[in-house]
Each structure stands twice: as C-alpha cells, then as structure tokens.
Amino acid sequence: MSLLDLDSISRALPHPWKSAVVGRVGESNIKVLRMDEMPSAAEVHDYTEGLLVISGQLLLGVQGEVITVVAGQMYLAGAGVPHEVLPGSHGTLVIVDV
C-alpha cells in the first residue's frame, strides 16, 4: 500500500482541471486535480461521480442551485445530472468514478 500526498500531487500537475489517475478500486478510477479559480463547462456522465475536496473549496452549479463543497466534504454528482464548476473553486479535488 502506498501513501499519497494528494495536495503535493495536484500542485505538481502541469495544468489545472486536468486530472491524473492515482489508483483504482474495483472498476472505479481515483483521480486528483488542481482547481484554479476558473470555471469549467457543464459536464454530464453516465456514471455517478464523487467529488471530494481535500483542500480549498469547490463551487458547483447543479440544476440552478449553487452548491459549496469544502475540505473534508464530498458531493455525489448523479449519473445523467449536468454539473458545472463555478468561478472561485480552488485547491485539491479528488474524483471517484463510481
């Protein structure tokens, strides 16, 4: 088993919002990325996506609602539900494709 410093990994990535797979559990990818205050276009997936904030905050737009996810919290973006990153998101985000 390996010890991962997720903040360090995200800071070392060459581009914000470009994730790197750091592991797998069953069929699920575990990815880390660096958020940089800029928004990201709406996405929709055919699987549930777990969005776990390690540091900073994630501001999401989901069906007209603004959702703030802070360090230590996870938001589950359901399969088929569009979600977008709003301006002001920053820090380290772990994404688990469920």
PDB file of N, CA and C in Angstrom:
ATOM      1  N   MET A   1       0.846  -1.170   0.000  1.00  0.00           N
ATOM      2  CA  MET A   1       0.000   0.000   0.000  1.00  0.00           C
ATOM      3  C   MET A   1       0.893   1.236   0.000  1.00  0.00           C
ATOM      4  N   SER A   2       0.481   2.265  -0.728  1.00  0.00           N
ATOM      5  CA  SER A   2       1.287   3.474  -0.858  1.00  0.00           C
ATOM      6  C   SER A   2       0.614   4.644  -0.141  1.00  0.00           C
ATOM      7  N   LEU A   3       1.437   5.525   0.383  1.00  0.00           N
ATOM      8  CA  LEU A   3       0.961   6.758   0.993  1.00  0.00           C
ATOM      9  C   LEU A   3       0.988   7.849  -0.076  1.00  0.00           C
ATOM     10  N   LEU A   4      -0.140   8.529  -0.302  1.00  0.00           N
ATOM     11  CA  LEU A   4      -0.228   9.566  -1.322  1.00  0.00           C
ATOM     12  C   LEU A   4      -0.473  10.919  -0.663  1.00  0.00           C
ATOM     13  N   ASP A   5       0.333  11.910  -1.014  1.00  0.00           N
ATOM     14  CA  ASP A   5       0.114  13.284  -0.584  1.00  0.00           C
ATOM     15  C   ASP A   5      -0.641  13.980  -1.711  1.00  0.00           C
ATOM     16  N   LEU A   6      -1.965  14.005  -1.610  1.00  0.00           N
ATOM     17  CA  LEU A   6      -2.808  14.470  -2.703  1.00  0.00           C
ATOM     18  C   LEU A   6      -2.606  15.948  -3.023  1.00  0.00           C
ATOM     19  N   ASP A   7      -2.369  16.792  -2.014  1.00  0.00           N
ATOM     20  CA  ASP A   7      -2.081  18.205  -2.281  1.00  0.00           C
ATOM     21  C   ASP A   7      -0.797  18.352  -3.099  1.00  0.00           C
ATOM     22  N   SER A   8       0.235  17.617  -2.745  1.00  0.00           N
ATOM     23  CA  SER A   8       1.506  17.692  -3.481  1.00  0.00           C
ATOM     24  C   SER A   8       1.346  17.195  -4.910  1.00  0.00           C
ATOM     25  N   ILE A   9       0.605  16.115  -5.068  1.00  0.00           N
ATOM     26  CA  ILE A   9       0.375  15.575  -6.416  1.00  0.00           C
ATOM     27  C   ILE A   9      -0.356  16.603  -7.268  1.00  0.00           C
ATOM     28  N   SER A  10      -1.402  17.229  -6.711  1.00  0.00           N
ATOM     29  CA  SER A  10      -2.169  18.199  -7.503  1.00  0.00           C
ATOM     30  C   SER A  10      -1.323  19.419  -7.869  1.00  0.00           C
ATOM     31  N   ARG A  11      -0.492  19.881  -6.944  1.00  0.00           N
ATOM     32  CA  ARG A  11       0.363  21.053  -7.238  1.00  0.00           C
ATOM     33  C   ARG A  11       1.388  20.740  -8.312  1.00  0.00           C
ATOM     34  N   ALA A  12       1.813  19.491  -8.419  1.00  0.00           N
ATOM     35  CA  ALA A  12       2.823  19.103  -9.405  1.00  0.00           C
ATOM     36  C   ALA A  12       2.247  18.872 -10.798  1.00  0.00           C
ATOM     37  N   LEU A  13       0.928  18.806 -10.919  1.00  0.00           N
ATOM     38  CA  LEU A  13       0.327  18.590 -12.232  1.00  0.00           C
ATOM     39  C   LEU A  13       0.575  19.807 -13.128  1.00  0.00           C
ATOM     40  N   PRO A  14       0.835  19.584 -14.420  1.00  0.00           N
ATOM     41  CA  PRO A  14       1.183  20.696 -15.307  1.00  0.00           C
ATOM     42  C   PRO A  14       0.038  21.657 -15.606  1.00  0.00           C
ATOM     43  N   HIS A  15      -1.216  21.199 -15.505  1.00  0.00           N
ATOM     44  CA  HIS A  15      -2.344  22.046 -15.859  1.00  0.00           C
ATOM     45  C   HIS A  15      -3.482  21.871 -14.852  1.00  0.00           C
ATOM     46  N   PRO A  16      -4.121  22.984 -14.469  1.00  0.00           N
ATOM     47  CA  PRO A  16      -5.313  22.845 -13.628  1.00  0.00           C
ATOM     48  C   PRO A  16      -6.431  22.174 -14.415  1.00  0.00           C
ATOM     49  N   TRP A  17      -7.323  21.535 -13.691  1.00  0.00           N
ATOM     50  CA  TRP A  17      -8.511  20.873 -14.246  1.00  0.00           C
ATOM     51  C   TRP A  17      -8.181  19.688 -15.144  1.00  0.00           C
ATOM     52  N   LYS A  18      -6.939  19.237 -15.171  1.00  0.00           N
ATOM     53  CA  LYS A  18      -6.558  18.023 -15.901  1.00  0.00           C
ATOM     54  C   LYS A  18      -6.176  16.992 -14.852  1.00  0.00           C
ATOM     55  N   SER A  19      -7.008  15.985 -14.693  1.00  0.00           N
ATOM     56  CA  SER A  19      -6.803  15.022 -13.607  1.00  0.00           C
ATOM     57  C   SER A  19      -5.759  13.980 -13.954  1.00  0.00           C
ATOM     58  N   ALA A  20      -5.218  13.375 -12.909  1.00  0.00           N
ATOM     59  CA  ALA A  20      -4.296  12.247 -13.024  1.00  0.00           C
ATOM     60  C   ALA A  20      -4.874  11.103 -12.199  1.00  0.00           C
ATOM     61  N   VAL A  21      -4.907   9.922 -12.774  1.00  0.00           N
ATOM     62  CA  VAL A  21      -5.383   8.744 -12.045  1.00  0.00           C
ATOM     63  C   VAL A  21      -4.297   8.332 -11.061  1.00  0.00           C
ATOM     64  N   VAL A  22      -4.672   8.242  -9.778  1.00  0.00           N
ATOM     65  CA  VAL A  22      -3.710   7.849  -8.748  1.00  0.00           C
ATOM     66  C   VAL A  22      -3.989   6.447  -8.210  1.00  0.00           C
ATOM     67  N   GLY A  23      -5.115   5.848  -8.611  1.00  0.00           N
ATOM     68  CA  GLY A  23      -5.422   4.496  -8.160  1.00  0.00           C
ATOM     69  C   GLY A  23      -6.760   4.030  -8.696  1.00  0.00           C
ATOM     70  N   ARG A  24      -7.059   2.778  -8.402  1.00  0.00           N
ATOM     71  CA  ARG A  24      -8.326   2.181  -8.792  1.00  0.00           C
ATOM     72  C   ARG A  24      -8.838   1.330  -7.642  1.00  0.00           C
ATOM     73  N   VAL A  25     -10.150   1.331  -7.472  1.00  0.00           N
ATOM     74  CA  VAL A  25     -10.808   0.439  -6.529  1.00  0.00           C
ATOM     75  C   VAL A  25     -11.898  -0.266  -7.332  1.00  0.00           C
ATOM     76  N   GLY A  26     -11.741  -1.552  -7.544  1.00  0.00           N
ATOM     77  CA  GLY A  26     -12.666  -2.264  -8.416  1.00  0.00           C
ATOM     78  C   GLY A  26     -12.635  -1.644  -9.792  1.00  0.00           C
ATOM     79  N   GLU A  27     -13.794  -1.231 -10.285  1.00  0.00           N
ATOM     80  CA  GLU A  27     -13.899  -0.588 -11.594  1.00  0.00           C
ATOM     81  C   GLU A  27     -13.798   0.931 -11.520  1.00  0.00           C
ATOM     82  N   SER A  28     -13.608   1.475 -10.316  1.00  0.00           N
ATOM     83  CA  SER A  28     -13.617   2.927 -10.121  1.00  0.00           C
ATOM     84  C   SER A  28     -12.222   3.525 -10.195  1.00  0.00           C
ATOM     85  N   ASN A  29     -12.082   4.591 -10.989  1.00  0.00           N
ATOM     86  CA  ASN A  29     -10.847   5.368 -11.005  1.00  0.00           C
ATOM     87  C   ASN A  29     -10.862   6.353  -9.844  1.00  0.00           C
ATOM     88  N   ILE A  30      -9.690   6.578  -9.261  1.00  0.00           N
ATOM     89  CA  ILE A  30      -9.496   7.630  -8.271  1.00  0.00           C
ATOM     90  C   ILE A  30      -8.546   8.623  -8.913  1.00  0.00           C
ATOM     91  N   LYS A  31      -9.035   9.860  -9.094  1.00  0.00           N
ATOM     92  CA  LYS A  31      -8.262  10.876  -9.800  1.00  0.00           C
ATOM     93  C   LYS A  31      -8.062  12.095  -8.894  1.00  0.00           C
ATOM     94  N   VAL A  32      -6.975  12.802  -9.128  1.00  0.00           N
ATOM     95  CA  VAL A  32      -6.712  14.038  -8.389  1.00  0.00           C
ATOM     96  C   VAL A  32      -6.465  15.149  -9.401  1.00  0.00           C
ATOM     97  N   LEU A  33      -6.884  16.361  -9.023  1.00  0.00           N
ATOM     98  CA  LEU A  33      -6.616  17.513  -9.877  1.00  0.00           C
ATOM     99  C   LEU A  33      -6.497  18.768  -9.040  1.00  0.00           C
ATOM    100  N   ARG A  34      -5.975  19.801  -9.681  1.00  0.00           N
ATOM    101  CA  ARG A  34      -5.812  21.107  -9.048  1.00  0.00           C
ATOM    102  C   ARG A  34      -6.869  22.057  -9.616  1.00  0.00           C
ATOM    103  N   MET A  35      -7.626  22.683  -8.731  1.00  0.00           N
ATOM    104  CA  MET A  35      -8.607  23.690  -9.142  1.00  0.00           C
ATOM    105  C   MET A  35      -7.933  25.053  -9.106  1.00  0.00           C
ATOM    106  N   ASP A  36      -8.310  25.958 -10.030  1.00  0.00           N
ATOM    107  CA  ASP A  36      -7.575  27.227 -10.132  1.00  0.00           C
ATOM    108  C   ASP A  36      -8.437  28.485 -10.200  1.00  0.00           C
ATOM    109  N   GLU A  37      -9.581  28.526  -9.557  1.00  0.00           N
ATOM    110  CA  GLU A  37     -10.470  29.685  -9.509  1.00  0.00           C
ATOM    111  C   GLU A  37     -11.295  29.881 -10.782  1.00  0.00           C
ATOM    112  N   MET A  38     -10.903  29.274 -11.901  1.00  0.00           N
ATOM    113  CA  MET A  38     -11.618  29.454 -13.162  1.00  0.00           C
ATOM    114  C   MET A  38     -12.773  28.456 -13.265  1.00  0.00           C
ATOM    115  N   PRO A  39     -13.838  28.858 -13.955  1.00  0.00           N
ATOM    116  CA  PRO A  39     -14.963  27.938 -14.127  1.00  0.00           C
ATOM    117  C   PRO A  39     -14.634  26.841 -15.127  1.00  0.00           C
ATOM    118  N   SER A  40     -15.445  25.824 -15.123  1.00  0.00           N
ATOM    119  CA  SER A  40     -15.313  24.714 -16.065  1.00  0.00           C
ATOM    120  C   SER A  40     -16.708  24.442 -16.626  1.00  0.00           C
ATOM    121  N   ALA A  41     -16.784  24.143 -17.902  1.00  0.00           N
ATOM    122  CA  ALA A  41     -18.066  23.930 -18.570  1.00  0.00           C
ATOM    123  C   ALA A  41     -18.835  22.774 -17.941  1.00  0.00           C
ATOM    124  N   ALA A  42     -20.141  22.814 -18.114  1.00  0.00           N
ATOM    125  CA  ALA A  42     -21.008  21.757 -17.589  1.00  0.00           C
ATOM    126  C   ALA A  42     -20.639  20.406 -18.196  1.00  0.00           C
ATOM    127  N   GLU A  43     -20.728  19.382 -17.362  1.00  0.00           N
ATOM    128  CA  GLU A  43     -20.466  18.008 -17.773  1.00  0.00           C
ATOM    129  C   GLU A  43     -21.634  17.140 -17.345  1.00  0.00           C
ATOM    130  N   VAL A  44     -21.803  16.051 -18.033  1.00  0.00           N
ATOM    131  CA  VAL A  44     -22.764  15.033 -17.627  1.00  0.00           C
ATOM    132  C   VAL A  44     -22.139  13.681 -17.945  1.00  0.00           C
ATOM    133  N   HIS A  45     -22.286  12.735 -17.024  1.00  0.00           N
ATOM    134  CA  HIS A  45     -21.667  11.425 -17.183  1.00  0.00           C
ATOM    135  C   HIS A  45     -22.732  10.341 -17.084  1.00  0.00           C
ATOM    136  N   ASP A  46     -22.398   9.165 -17.583  1.00  0.00           N
ATOM    137  CA  ASP A  46     -23.323   8.034 -17.464  1.00  0.00           C
ATOM    138  C   ASP A  46     -23.021   7.208 -16.219  1.00  0.00           C
ATOM    139  N   TYR A  47     -22.290   7.796 -15.279  1.00  0.00           N
ATOM    140  CA  TYR A  47     -21.952   7.176 -14.006  1.00  0.00           C
ATOM    141  C   TYR A  47     -21.977   8.258 -12.928  1.00  0.00           C
ATOM    142  N   THR A  48     -22.114   7.853 -11.685  1.00  0.00           N
ATOM    143  CA  THR A  48     -22.045   8.798 -10.580  1.00  0.00           C
ATOM    144  C   THR A  48     -20.596   9.190 -10.356  1.00  0.00           C
ATOM    145  N   GLU A  49     -20.375  10.460 -10.068  1.00  0.00           N
ATOM    146  CA  GLU A  49     -19.032  10.982  -9.854  1.00  0.00           C
ATOM    147  C   GLU A  49     -18.959  11.537  -8.431  1.00  0.00           C
ATOM    148  N   GLY A  50     -18.058  10.995  -7.620  1.00  0.00           N
ATOM    149  CA  GLY A  50     -17.826  11.518  -6.282  1.00  0.00           C
ATOM    150  C   GLY A  50     -16.783  12.615  -6.351  1.00  0.00           C
ATOM    151  N   LEU A  51     -17.098  13.796  -5.837  1.00  0.00           N
ATOM    152  CA  LEU A  51     -16.199  14.949  -5.863  1.00  0.00           C
ATOM    153  C   LEU A  51     -15.816  15.282  -4.425  1.00  0.00           C
ATOM    154  N   LEU A  52     -14.609  14.887  -4.039  1.00  0.00           N
ATOM    155  CA  LEU A  52     -14.111  15.024  -2.670  1.00  0.00           C
ATOM    156  C   LEU A  52     -13.083  16.143  -2.610  1.00  0.00           C
ATOM    157  N   VAL A  53     -13.384  17.183  -1.844  1.00  0.00           N
ATOM    158  CA  VAL A  53     -12.463  18.307  -1.702  1.00  0.00           C
ATOM    159  C   VAL A  53     -11.464  17.981  -0.600  1.00  0.00           C
ATOM    160  N   ILE A  54     -10.189  18.017  -0.943  1.00  0.00           N
ATOM    161  CA  ILE A  54      -9.094  17.766   0.007  1.00  0.00           C
ATOM    162  C   ILE A  54      -8.667  19.071   0.667  1.00  0.00           C
ATOM    163  N   SER A  55      -8.537  20.127  -0.142  1.00  0.00           N
ATOM    164  CA  SER A  55      -8.220  21.458   0.381  1.00  0.00           C
ATOM    165  C   SER A  55      -8.935  22.487  -0.482  1.00  0.00           C
ATOM    166  N   GLY A  56      -9.227  23.648   0.102  1.00  0.00           N
ATOM    167  CA  GLY A  56      -9.911  24.701  -0.633  1.00  0.00           C
ATOM    168  C   GLY A  56     -11.417  24.482  -0.670  1.00  0.00           C
ATOM    169  N   GLN A  57     -12.030  24.845  -1.807  1.00  0.00           N
ATOM    170  CA  GLN A  57     -13.472  24.677  -1.957  1.00  0.00           C
ATOM    171  C   GLN A  57     -13.829  24.473  -3.421  1.00  0.00           C
ATOM    172  N   LEU A  58     -14.915  23.776  -3.631  1.00  0.00           N
ATOM    173  CA  LEU A  58     -15.483  23.541  -4.952  1.00  0.00           C
ATOM    174  C   LEU A  58     -16.862  24.186  -4.980  1.00  0.00           C
ATOM    175  N   LEU A  59     -17.087  25.055  -5.950  1.00  0.00           N
ATOM    176  CA  LEU A  59     -18.393  25.676  -6.144  1.00  0.00           C
ATOM    177  C   LEU A  59     -19.012  25.052  -7.378  1.00  0.00           C
ATOM    178  N   LEU A  60     -20.153  24.410  -7.185  1.00  0.00           N
ATOM    179  CA  LEU A  60     -20.825  23.707  -8.275  1.00  0.00           C
ATOM    180  C   LEU A  60     -22.159  24.351  -8.595  1.00  0.00           C
ATOM    181  N   GLY A  61     -22.506  24.335  -9.869  1.00  0.00           N
ATOM    182  CA  GLY A  61     -23.846  24.669 -10.311  1.00  0.00           C
ATOM    183  C   GLY A  61     -24.529  23.377 -10.726  1.00  0.00           C
ATOM    184  N   VAL A  62     -25.635  23.053 -10.051  1.00  0.00           N
ATOM    185  CA  VAL A  62     -26.368  21.821 -10.337  1.00  0.00           C
ATOM    186  C   VAL A  62     -27.860  22.163 -10.404  1.00  0.00           C
ATOM    187  N   GLN A  63     -28.413  22.048 -11.579  1.00  0.00           N
ATOM    188  CA  GLN A  63     -29.846  22.282 -11.790  1.00  0.00           C
ATOM    189  C   GLN A  63     -30.313  23.606 -11.187  1.00  0.00           C
ATOM    190  N   GLY A  64     -29.544  24.674 -11.463  1.00  0.00           N
ATOM    191  CA  GLY A  64     -29.908  26.008 -10.998  1.00  0.00           C
ATOM    192  C   GLY A  64     -29.543  26.316  -9.562  1.00  0.00           C
ATOM    193  N   GLU A  65     -28.958  25.370  -8.860  1.00  0.00           N
ATOM    194  CA  GLU A  65     -28.568  25.555  -7.461  1.00  0.00           C
ATOM    195  C   GLU A  65     -27.053  25.671  -7.361  1.00  0.00           C
ATOM    196  N   VAL A  66     -26.578  26.550  -6.466  1.00  0.00           N
ATOM    197  CA  VAL A  66     -25.146  26.655  -6.185  1.00  0.00           C
ATOM    198  C   VAL A  66     -24.851  25.807  -4.957  1.00  0.00           C
ATOM    199  N   ILE A  67     -23.890  24.914  -5.113  1.00  0.00           N
ATOM    200  CA  ILE A  67     -23.504  24.014  -4.020  1.00  0.00           C
ATOM    201  C   ILE A  67     -22.044  24.272  -3.691  1.00  0.00           C
ATOM    202  N   THR A  68     -21.764  24.543  -2.422  1.00  0.00           N
ATOM    203  CA  THR A  68     -20.392  24.754  -1.959  1.00  0.00           C
ATOM    204  C   THR A  68     -19.932  23.500  -1.236  1.00  0.00           C
ATOM    205  N   VAL A  69     -18.808  22.954  -1.705  1.00  0.00           N
ATOM    206  CA  VAL A  69     -18.215  21.762  -1.101  1.00  0.00           C
ATOM    207  C   VAL A  69     -16.855  22.182  -0.556  1.00  0.00           C
ATOM    208  N   VAL A  70     -16.652  22.008   0.751  1.00  0.00           N
ATOM    209  CA  VAL A  70     -15.402  22.436   1.384  1.00  0.00           C
ATOM    210  C   VAL A  70     -14.555  21.223   1.754  1.00  0.00           C
ATOM    211  N   ALA A  71     -13.330  21.490   2.182  1.00  0.00           N
ATOM    212  CA  ALA A  71     -12.394  20.429   2.544  1.00  0.00           C
ATOM    213  C   ALA A  71     -13.037  19.449   3.524  1.00  0.00           C
ATOM    214  N   GLY A  72     -12.924  18.177   3.180  1.00  0.00           N
ATOM    215  CA  GLY A  72     -13.499  17.127   4.009  1.00  0.00           C
ATOM    216  C   GLY A  72     -14.896  16.711   3.592  1.00  0.00           C
ATOM    217  N   GLN A  73     -15.468  17.416   2.613  1.00  0.00           N
ATOM    218  CA  GLN A  73     -16.803  17.070   2.131  1.00  0.00           C
ATOM    219  C   GLN A  73     -16.732  16.465   0.736  1.00  0.00           C
ATOM    220  N   MET A  74     -17.751  15.634   0.426  1.00  0.00           N
ATOM    221  CA  MET A  74     -17.858  15.027  -0.897  1.00  0.00           C
ATOM    222  C   MET A  74     -19.260  15.273  -1.437  1.00  0.00           C
ATOM    223  N   TYR A  75     -19.320  15.634  -2.713  1.00  0.00           N
ATOM    224  CA  TYR A  75     -20.591  15.766  -3.405  1.00  0.00           C
ATOM    225  C   TYR A  75     -20.689  14.624  -4.406  1.00  0.00           C
ATOM    226  N   LEU A  76     -21.836  13.964  -4.446  1.00  0.00           N
ATOM    227  CA  LEU A  76     -22.069  12.908  -5.421  1.00  0.00           C
ATOM    228  C   LEU A  76     -22.906  13.469  -6.551  1.00  0.00           C
ATOM    229  N   ALA A  77     -22.278  13.630  -7.712  1.00  0.00           N
ATOM    230  CA  ALA A  77     -22.973  14.092  -8.906  1.00  0.00           C
ATOM    231  C   ALA A  77     -23.562  12.857  -9.580  1.00  0.00           C
ATOM    232  N   GLY A  78     -24.867  12.750  -9.544  1.00  0.00           N
ATOM    233  CA  GLY A  78     -25.540  11.571 -10.050  1.00  0.00           C
ATOM    234  C   GLY A  78     -25.382  11.383 -11.547  1.00  0.00           C
ATOM    235  N   ALA A  79     -25.430  10.151 -11.976  1.00  0.00           N
ATOM    236  CA  ALA A  79     -25.366   9.825 -13.400  1.00  0.00           C
ATOM    237  C   ALA A  79     -26.480  10.573 -14.132  1.00  0.00           C
ATOM    238  N   GLY A  80     -26.112  11.192 -15.250  1.00  0.00           N
ATOM    239  CA  GLY A  80     -27.091  11.890 -16.068  1.00  0.00           C
ATOM    240  C   GLY A  80     -27.434  13.289 -15.613  1.00  0.00           C
ATOM    241  N   VAL A  81     -26.855  13.773 -14.509  1.00  0.00           N
ATOM    242  CA  VAL A  81     -27.161  15.110 -13.988  1.00  0.00           C
ATOM    243  C   VAL A  81     -26.047  16.075 -14.393  1.00  0.00           C
ATOM    244  N   PRO A  82     -26.358  17.099 -15.206  1.00  0.00           N
ATOM    245  CA  PRO A  82     -25.332  18.082 -15.577  1.00  0.00           C
ATOM    246  C   PRO A  82     -24.855  18.862 -14.343  1.00  0.00           C
ATOM    247  N   HIS A  83     -23.565  19.101 -14.293  1.00  0.00           N
ATOM    248  CA  HIS A  83     -22.977  19.887 -13.211  1.00  0.00           C
ATOM    249  C   HIS A  83     -21.817  20.694 -13.771  1.00  0.00           C
ATOM    250  N   GLU A  84     -21.677  21.926 -13.268  1.00  0.00           N
ATOM    251  CA  GLU A  84     -20.602  22.795 -13.754  1.00  0.00           C
ATOM    252  C   GLU A  84     -19.843  23.382 -12.585  1.00  0.00           C
ATOM    253  N   VAL A  85     -18.551  23.622 -12.804  1.00  0.00           N
ATOM    254  CA  VAL A  85     -17.712  24.268 -11.802  1.00  0.00           C
ATOM    255  C   VAL A  85     -17.851  25.773 -11.983  1.00  0.00           C
ATOM    256  N   LEU A  86     -18.124  26.457 -10.884  1.00  0.00           N
ATOM    257  CA  LEU A  86     -18.304  27.899 -10.905  1.00  0.00           C
ATOM    258  C   LEU A  86     -17.007  28.616 -10.531  1.00  0.00           C
ATOM    259  N   PRO A  87     -16.872  29.910 -10.920  1.00  0.00           N
ATOM    260  CA  PRO A  87     -15.668  30.667 -10.564  1.00  0.00           C
ATOM    261  C   PRO A  87     -15.462  30.683  -9.051  1.00  0.00           C
ATOM    262  N   GLY A  88     -14.208  30.636  -8.636  1.00  0.00           N
ATOM    263  CA  GLY A  88     -13.864  30.683  -7.216  1.00  0.00           C
ATOM    264  C   GLY A  88     -13.469  29.351  -6.627  1.00  0.00           C
ATOM    265  N   SER A  89     -13.628  28.273  -7.392  1.00  0.00           N
ATOM    266  CA  SER A  89     -13.190  26.957  -6.903  1.00  0.00           C
ATOM    267  C   SER A  89     -11.664  26.936  -6.889  1.00  0.00           C
ATOM    268  N   HIS A  90     -11.092  26.409  -5.814  1.00  0.00           N
ATOM    269  CA  HIS A  90      -9.626  26.360  -5.714  1.00  0.00           C
ATOM    270  C   HIS A  90      -9.215  25.236  -4.759  1.00  0.00           C
ATOM    271  N   GLY A  91      -8.000  24.765  -4.918  1.00  0.00           N
ATOM    272  CA  GLY A  91      -7.470  23.738  -4.027  1.00  0.00           C
ATOM    273  C   GLY A  91      -7.313  22.400  -4.731  1.00  0.00           C
ATOM    274  N   THR A  92      -7.431  21.337  -3.956  1.00  0.00           N
ATOM    275  CA  THR A  92      -7.224  19.976  -4.460  1.00  0.00           C
ATOM    276  C   THR A  92      -8.534  19.219  -4.428  1.00  0.00           C
ATOM    277  N   LEU A  93      -8.842  18.578  -5.541  1.00  0.00           N
ATOM    278  CA  LEU A  93     -10.074  17.808  -5.700  1.00  0.00           C
ATOM    279  C   LEU A  93      -9.732  16.376  -6.069  1.00  0.00           C
ATOM    280  N   VAL A  94     -10.371  15.440  -5.403  1.00  0.00           N
ATOM    281  CA  VAL A  94     -10.284  14.020  -5.767  1.00  0.00           C
ATOM    282  C   VAL A  94     -11.619  13.640  -6.390  1.00  0.00           C
ATOM    283  N   ILE A  95     -11.541  12.956  -7.519  1.00  0.00           N
ATOM    284  CA  ILE A  95     -12.733  12.499  -8.226  1.00  0.00           C
ATOM    285  C   ILE A  95     -12.732  10.971  -8.219  1.00  0.00           C
ATOM    286  N   VAL A  96     -13.863  10.400  -7.792  1.00  0.00           N
ATOM    287  CA  VAL A  96     -14.016   8.945  -7.807  1.00  0.00           C
ATOM    288  C   VAL A  96     -15.176   8.632  -8.735  1.00  0.00           C
ATOM    289  N   ASP A  97     -14.874   7.926  -9.828  1.00  0.00           N
ATOM    290  CA  ASP A  97     -15.908   7.494 -10.764  1.00  0.00           C
ATOM    291  C   ASP A  97     -16.550   6.240 -10.202  1.00  0.00           C
ATOM    292  N   VAL A  98     -17.809   6.360  -9.779  1.00  0.00           N
ATOM    293  CA  VAL A  98     -18.480   5.267  -9.097  1.00  0.00           C
ATOM    294  C   VAL A  98     -19.290   4.437 -10.085  1.00  0.00           C
TER     295      VAL A  98
END
